[in-house]
Amino acid sequence: MHRLRHVIQRRHAVCAGPESTVYEVAVLMTSAGVGAIPILEGEALVGIFTERDLMGRVVVPRRDPERTRVAEVM
């Protein structure tokens, strides 16, 4: 059975870690042309960060995307 990271790497999909900033993940999403990114801690899927998370949990409450960790808002 394949680990999630191996499947993602084979398909050239993007992923991020929970300590990544919202800004870093937003740049990844924009570069890849996707609306959501899986958040992995080692080999484990610990969450997903979506455009909806970005808007509802970062932009509207006016959180700083360069200081907010994705783990806080996914």
Protein backbone atom coordinates (compact mmCIF):
# COMPACT_ATOMS: atom_id res chain seq x y z
CA MET A 1 0.00 0.00 0.00
CA HIS A 2 1.35 3.41 -0.93
CA ARG A 3 1.74 6.24 1.51
CA LEU A 4 -0.08 9.49 0.72
CA ARG A 5 3.20 11.37 0.20
CA HIS A 6 4.31 8.82 -2.43
CA VAL A 7 1.05 9.19 -4.33
CA ILE A 8 1.30 12.97 -4.19
CA GLN A 9 4.92 12.97 -5.35
CA ARG A 10 4.18 10.64 -8.23
CA ARG A 11 1.41 12.88 -9.48
CA HIS A 12 3.42 16.05 -8.92
CA ALA A 13 0.74 17.38 -6.63
CA VAL A 14 1.62 19.93 -4.00
CA CYS A 15 1.36 19.54 -0.26
CA ALA A 16 2.48 21.49 2.78
CA GLY A 17 3.26 20.95 6.44
CA PRO A 18 1.22 22.29 9.36
CA GLU A 19 3.93 24.79 10.29
CA SER A 20 3.81 26.45 6.87
CA THR A 21 2.40 29.95 6.86
CA VAL A 22 -0.90 30.72 5.20
CA TYR A 23 0.98 32.96 2.79
CA GLU A 24 3.33 30.13 1.75
CA VAL A 25 0.42 27.77 1.18
CA ALA A 26 -1.55 30.42 -0.76
CA VAL A 27 1.46 30.87 -3.06
CA LEU A 28 1.63 27.08 -3.59
CA MET A 29 -2.09 26.94 -4.36
CA THR A 30 -1.83 29.80 -6.84
CA SER A 31 1.25 28.36 -8.55
CA ALA A 32 -0.37 24.94 -8.89
CA GLY A 33 -3.76 26.31 -9.90
CA VAL A 34 -5.58 24.41 -7.18
CA GLY A 35 -8.16 25.38 -4.58
CA ALA A 36 -7.00 23.06 -1.79
CA ILE A 37 -3.77 21.54 -0.52
CA PRO A 38 -3.35 18.49 1.72
CA ILE A 39 -1.43 19.17 4.92
CA LEU A 40 0.94 16.36 5.85
CA GLU A 41 2.92 15.77 9.01
CA GLY A 42 5.48 13.18 8.01
CA GLU A 43 3.46 10.53 6.22
CA ALA A 44 0.19 11.38 7.96
CA LEU A 45 -2.57 13.51 6.49
CA VAL A 46 -3.44 15.95 9.27
CA GLY A 47 -5.74 18.27 7.37
CA ILE A 48 -6.53 20.16 4.22
CA PHE A 49 -6.31 23.89 3.57
CA THR A 50 -8.84 25.33 1.14
CA GLU A 51 -9.69 28.63 -0.48
CA ARG A 52 -12.70 28.73 1.85
CA ASP A 53 -10.38 28.45 4.88
CA LEU A 54 -8.30 31.29 3.46
CA MET A 55 -11.28 33.59 3.01
CA GLY A 56 -13.31 32.69 6.10
CA ARG A 57 -10.56 32.16 8.64
CA VAL A 58 -7.82 34.52 7.46
CA VAL A 59 -9.03 37.30 5.17
CA VAL A 60 -12.36 38.16 6.80
CA PRO A 61 -11.02 38.15 10.40
CA ARG A 62 -7.99 40.12 9.11
CA ARG A 63 -5.32 37.68 10.30
CA ASP A 64 -1.80 38.21 9.01
CA PRO A 65 -1.16 35.45 6.42
CA GLU A 66 2.60 35.76 6.85
CA ARG A 67 2.39 35.06 10.59
CA THR A 68 -0.55 32.66 10.74
CA ARG A 69 0.37 28.97 10.58
CA VAL A 70 -1.85 26.84 8.38
CA ALA A 71 -2.41 24.46 11.32
CA GLU A 72 -4.31 27.26 13.08
CA VAL A 73 -6.87 27.71 10.31
CA MET A 74 -7.22 24.48 8.30
